[in-house]
Amino acid sequence: MLTESQVERSFRKLIKVEGLINETFEKAEELLEELRPESPLRHRLFSELDELREMTSSE
């Protein structure tokens, strides 16, 4: 299991390097699944991921 710090760092790097495409969103979701269900970071990053999806779908 990864630490919250490792997950957040990997999440940011993934979005930055791979761009805003469906495959990236799927990889990001898998990464966030590493966090405990009650983790505030998990909820925050899932919210960010949802916002990014909305941004790309409206373009």
Protein backbone atom coordinates (compact mmCIF):
# COMPACT_ATOMS: atom_id res chain seq x y z
CA MET A 1 0.00 0.00 0.00
CA LEU A 2 1.29 3.45 -0.93
CA THR A 3 1.44 6.38 1.46
CA GLU A 4 -0.80 9.41 0.92
CA SER A 5 2.23 11.44 -0.07
CA GLN A 6 3.25 8.90 -2.70
CA VAL A 7 -0.27 8.71 -4.10
CA GLU A 8 -0.62 12.48 -4.33
CA ARG A 9 2.78 12.86 -6.00
CA SER A 10 2.01 10.07 -8.48
CA PHE A 11 -1.46 11.52 -9.19
CA ARG A 12 -0.03 14.97 -10.00
CA LYS A 13 2.73 13.51 -12.16
CA LEU A 14 0.29 11.25 -14.03
CA ILE A 15 -2.04 14.14 -14.90
CA LYS A 16 0.85 16.40 -15.91
CA VAL A 17 2.74 13.87 -18.04
CA GLU A 18 -0.04 11.85 -19.66
CA GLY A 19 -2.57 14.61 -20.16
CA LEU A 20 -6.33 14.68 -19.77
CA ILE A 21 -7.45 11.56 -21.60
CA ASN A 22 -9.68 8.64 -20.56
CA GLU A 23 -6.74 6.27 -20.02
CA THR A 24 -5.15 8.77 -17.63
CA PHE A 25 -8.39 9.11 -15.68
CA GLU A 26 -8.62 5.33 -15.34
CA LYS A 27 -5.01 5.09 -14.12
CA ALA A 28 -5.64 7.92 -11.66
CA GLU A 29 -8.71 6.10 -10.28
CA GLU A 30 -6.68 2.93 -9.78
CA LEU A 31 -4.05 4.96 -7.97
CA LEU A 32 -6.62 6.58 -5.68
CA GLU A 33 -8.02 3.15 -4.82
CA GLU A 34 -4.75 2.61 -2.93
CA LEU A 35 -5.94 5.09 -0.29
CA ARG A 36 -8.20 4.20 2.61
CA PRO A 37 -11.90 4.80 1.81
CA GLU A 38 -12.19 7.34 4.64
CA SER A 39 -9.08 9.29 3.60
CA PRO A 40 -9.71 13.03 3.10
CA LEU A 41 -7.03 13.04 0.41
CA ARG A 42 -8.88 10.31 -1.48
CA HIS A 43 -12.08 12.37 -1.45
CA ARG A 44 -10.26 15.54 -2.51
CA LEU A 45 -8.40 13.90 -5.38
CA PHE A 46 -11.52 12.10 -6.61
CA SER A 47 -13.26 15.50 -6.63
CA GLU A 48 -10.40 16.99 -8.62
CA LEU A 49 -10.54 14.07 -11.03
CA ASP A 50 -14.28 14.60 -11.53
CA GLU A 51 -13.68 18.30 -12.24
CA LEU A 52 -10.98 17.46 -14.78
CA ARG A 53 -13.31 15.00 -16.50
CA GLU A 54 -16.04 17.64 -16.69
CA MET A 55 -13.59 20.16 -18.15
CA THR A 56 -12.49 17.79 -20.89
CA SER A 57 -15.99 16.60 -21.72
CA SER A 58 -17.23 20.16 -22.20
CA GLU A 59 -14.44 21.02 -24.65
